[in-house]
Amino acid sequence: AVAQRDLGALFARGLAGMPEDLAQARRWYEAAAAQGDADAQHNLAVMYAEGLGGLQRHPAEARRLAELAASRGHAKASALLMGLPPEDCQGCTSKEDALLADVVGETEELLEGLWHGYGGGQAEAF
């Protein structure tokens, strides 16, 4: 797994005579991650979070991989988790979007409550 992860890193950065090829890096990270390599899980999580290496952005998969790596003590994976949207956020692309969605939802509930408190939502003529 370590050698696979290291090959992924060489392709990701274009080092040691390897061409920079994020799709190839992803394949090596996937192989190492499947064997439990926390660094590869973290690197693959970043690729899913950012949509790199031919992947579509997939925050849920990024979170799953980051959680696996974090459970193995990977500090960068723990930090990555803080920047990913919550699992139940449909369509959110970042933690900021998720927080904004929460604020908007709470504001709408508050306004609806105030409106119903001032006449039950019925418009009154002046």
Protein backbone atom coordinates (compact mmCIF):
# COMPACT_ATOMS: atom_id res chain seq x y z
CA ALA A 1 0.00 0.00 0.00
CA VAL A 2 2.82 2.39 0.82
CA ALA A 3 4.47 1.92 -2.58
CA GLN A 4 1.12 2.47 -4.31
CA ARG A 5 0.51 5.64 -2.34
CA ASP A 6 4.02 6.87 -3.13
CA LEU A 7 3.49 6.22 -6.85
CA GLY A 8 0.28 8.21 -6.60
CA ALA A 9 2.18 11.10 -5.04
CA LEU A 10 4.82 10.98 -7.80
CA PHE A 11 2.10 11.20 -10.47
CA ALA A 12 0.19 13.87 -8.56
CA ARG A 13 3.24 16.13 -8.40
CA GLY A 14 5.07 15.08 -11.55
CA LEU A 15 8.20 14.05 -9.65
CA ALA A 16 11.04 11.59 -10.35
CA GLY A 17 10.53 11.75 -14.10
CA MET A 18 6.83 10.90 -13.87
CA PRO A 19 4.43 13.10 -15.82
CA GLU A 20 1.94 15.07 -13.76
CA ASP A 21 -1.18 12.93 -14.20
CA LEU A 22 -3.91 13.26 -11.59
CA ALA A 23 -6.01 10.47 -13.10
CA GLN A 24 -3.07 8.07 -12.74
CA ALA A 25 -2.40 9.38 -9.22
CA ARG A 26 -6.05 8.69 -8.37
CA ARG A 27 -5.76 5.08 -9.51
CA TRP A 28 -2.74 4.48 -7.27
CA TYR A 29 -4.39 6.26 -4.33
CA GLU A 30 -7.51 4.11 -4.80
CA ALA A 31 -5.43 0.93 -4.66
CA ALA A 32 -3.59 2.05 -1.52
CA ALA A 33 -6.76 3.40 0.13
CA ALA A 34 -8.52 0.08 -0.40
CA GLN A 35 -5.75 -1.52 1.64
CA GLY A 36 -6.25 0.92 4.52
CA ASP A 37 -3.49 3.46 3.85
CA ALA A 38 -4.59 6.62 5.71
CA ASP A 39 -2.45 8.98 3.59
CA ALA A 40 -3.98 7.58 0.39
CA GLN A 41 -7.48 7.83 1.90
CA HIS A 42 -6.82 11.48 2.74
CA ASN A 43 -5.38 12.27 -0.70
CA LEU A 44 -8.30 10.57 -2.41
CA ALA A 45 -10.72 12.47 -0.15
CA VAL A 46 -9.16 15.74 -1.33
CA MET A 47 -9.56 14.63 -4.93
CA TYR A 48 -13.27 13.89 -4.37
CA ALA A 49 -13.76 17.15 -2.48
CA GLU A 50 -12.19 19.21 -5.27
CA GLY A 51 -13.20 17.14 -8.30
CA LEU A 52 -9.64 16.28 -9.35
CA GLY A 53 -8.19 13.43 -11.37
CA GLY A 54 -11.24 13.00 -13.58
CA LEU A 55 -13.61 12.73 -10.62
CA GLN A 56 -16.79 14.70 -10.17
CA ARG A 57 -17.01 16.59 -6.89
CA HIS A 58 -18.51 14.16 -4.41
CA PRO A 59 -18.56 15.61 -0.88
CA ALA A 60 -20.15 12.48 0.63
CA GLU A 61 -17.38 10.23 -0.69
CA ALA A 62 -14.78 12.78 0.37
CA ARG A 63 -16.26 12.72 3.88
CA ARG A 64 -16.32 8.90 3.99
CA LEU A 65 -12.67 8.64 3.01
CA ALA A 66 -11.59 11.46 5.32
CA GLU A 67 -13.41 9.80 8.22
CA LEU A 68 -11.58 6.54 7.52
CA ALA A 69 -8.23 8.31 7.48
CA ALA A 70 -9.07 10.39 10.56
CA SER A 71 -10.06 7.23 12.44
CA ARG A 72 -6.49 6.06 11.82
CA GLY A 73 -5.11 9.25 13.38
CA HIS A 74 -4.49 11.23 10.19
CA ALA A 75 -4.45 14.89 11.33
CA LYS A 76 -4.90 16.42 7.87
CA ALA A 77 -7.95 14.23 7.29
CA SER A 78 -9.44 15.51 10.55
CA ALA A 79 -8.86 19.08 9.37
CA LEU A 80 -10.38 18.28 5.98
CA LEU A 81 -13.55 17.04 7.68
CA MET A 82 -14.05 20.46 9.22
CA GLY A 83 -14.22 22.01 5.74
CA LEU A 84 -16.60 19.50 4.17
CA PRO A 85 -20.37 20.01 4.14
CA PRO A 86 -22.42 17.88 6.53
CA GLU A 87 -23.71 14.56 5.19
CA ASP A 88 -27.34 15.69 5.19
CA CYS A 89 -26.69 18.81 3.11
CA GLN A 90 -28.20 18.33 -0.35
CA GLY A 91 -26.44 20.44 -2.98
CA CYS A 92 -23.99 22.12 -0.60
CA THR A 93 -20.46 22.46 -1.87
CA SER A 94 -18.73 23.69 1.25
CA LYS A 95 -19.15 24.12 4.96
CA GLU A 96 -19.96 27.79 4.35
CA ASP A 97 -22.83 26.83 2.02
CA ALA A 98 -24.16 24.45 4.67
CA LEU A 99 -24.01 27.15 7.34
CA LEU A 100 -25.71 29.62 5.01
CA ALA A 101 -28.47 27.09 4.31
CA ASP A 102 -29.00 26.67 8.06
CA VAL A 103 -29.18 30.44 8.62
CA VAL A 104 -31.60 30.95 5.72
CA GLY A 105 -33.81 28.12 6.97
CA GLU A 106 -33.87 29.47 10.51
CA THR A 107 -34.61 33.00 9.24
CA GLU A 108 -37.50 31.74 7.10
CA GLU A 109 -38.96 29.87 10.10
CA LEU A 110 -38.64 32.96 12.28
CA LEU A 111 -40.32 35.20 9.69
CA GLU A 112 -43.11 32.67 9.16
CA GLY A 113 -43.69 32.52 12.91
CA LEU A 114 -43.81 36.31 13.15
CA TRP A 115 -46.19 36.55 10.19
CA HIS A 116 -48.58 34.02 11.72
CA GLY A 117 -48.34 35.83 15.04
CA TYR A 118 -49.58 39.02 13.37
CA GLY A 119 -52.89 37.75 12.02
CA GLY A 120 -52.27 34.14 11.07
CA GLY A 121 -50.90 34.92 7.64
CA GLN A 122 -54.07 36.68 6.46
CA ALA A 123 -53.63 39.97 4.66
CA GLU A 124 -55.67 42.81 6.13
CA ALA A 125 -57.04 45.75 4.17
CA PHE A 126 -56.02 49.24 5.26
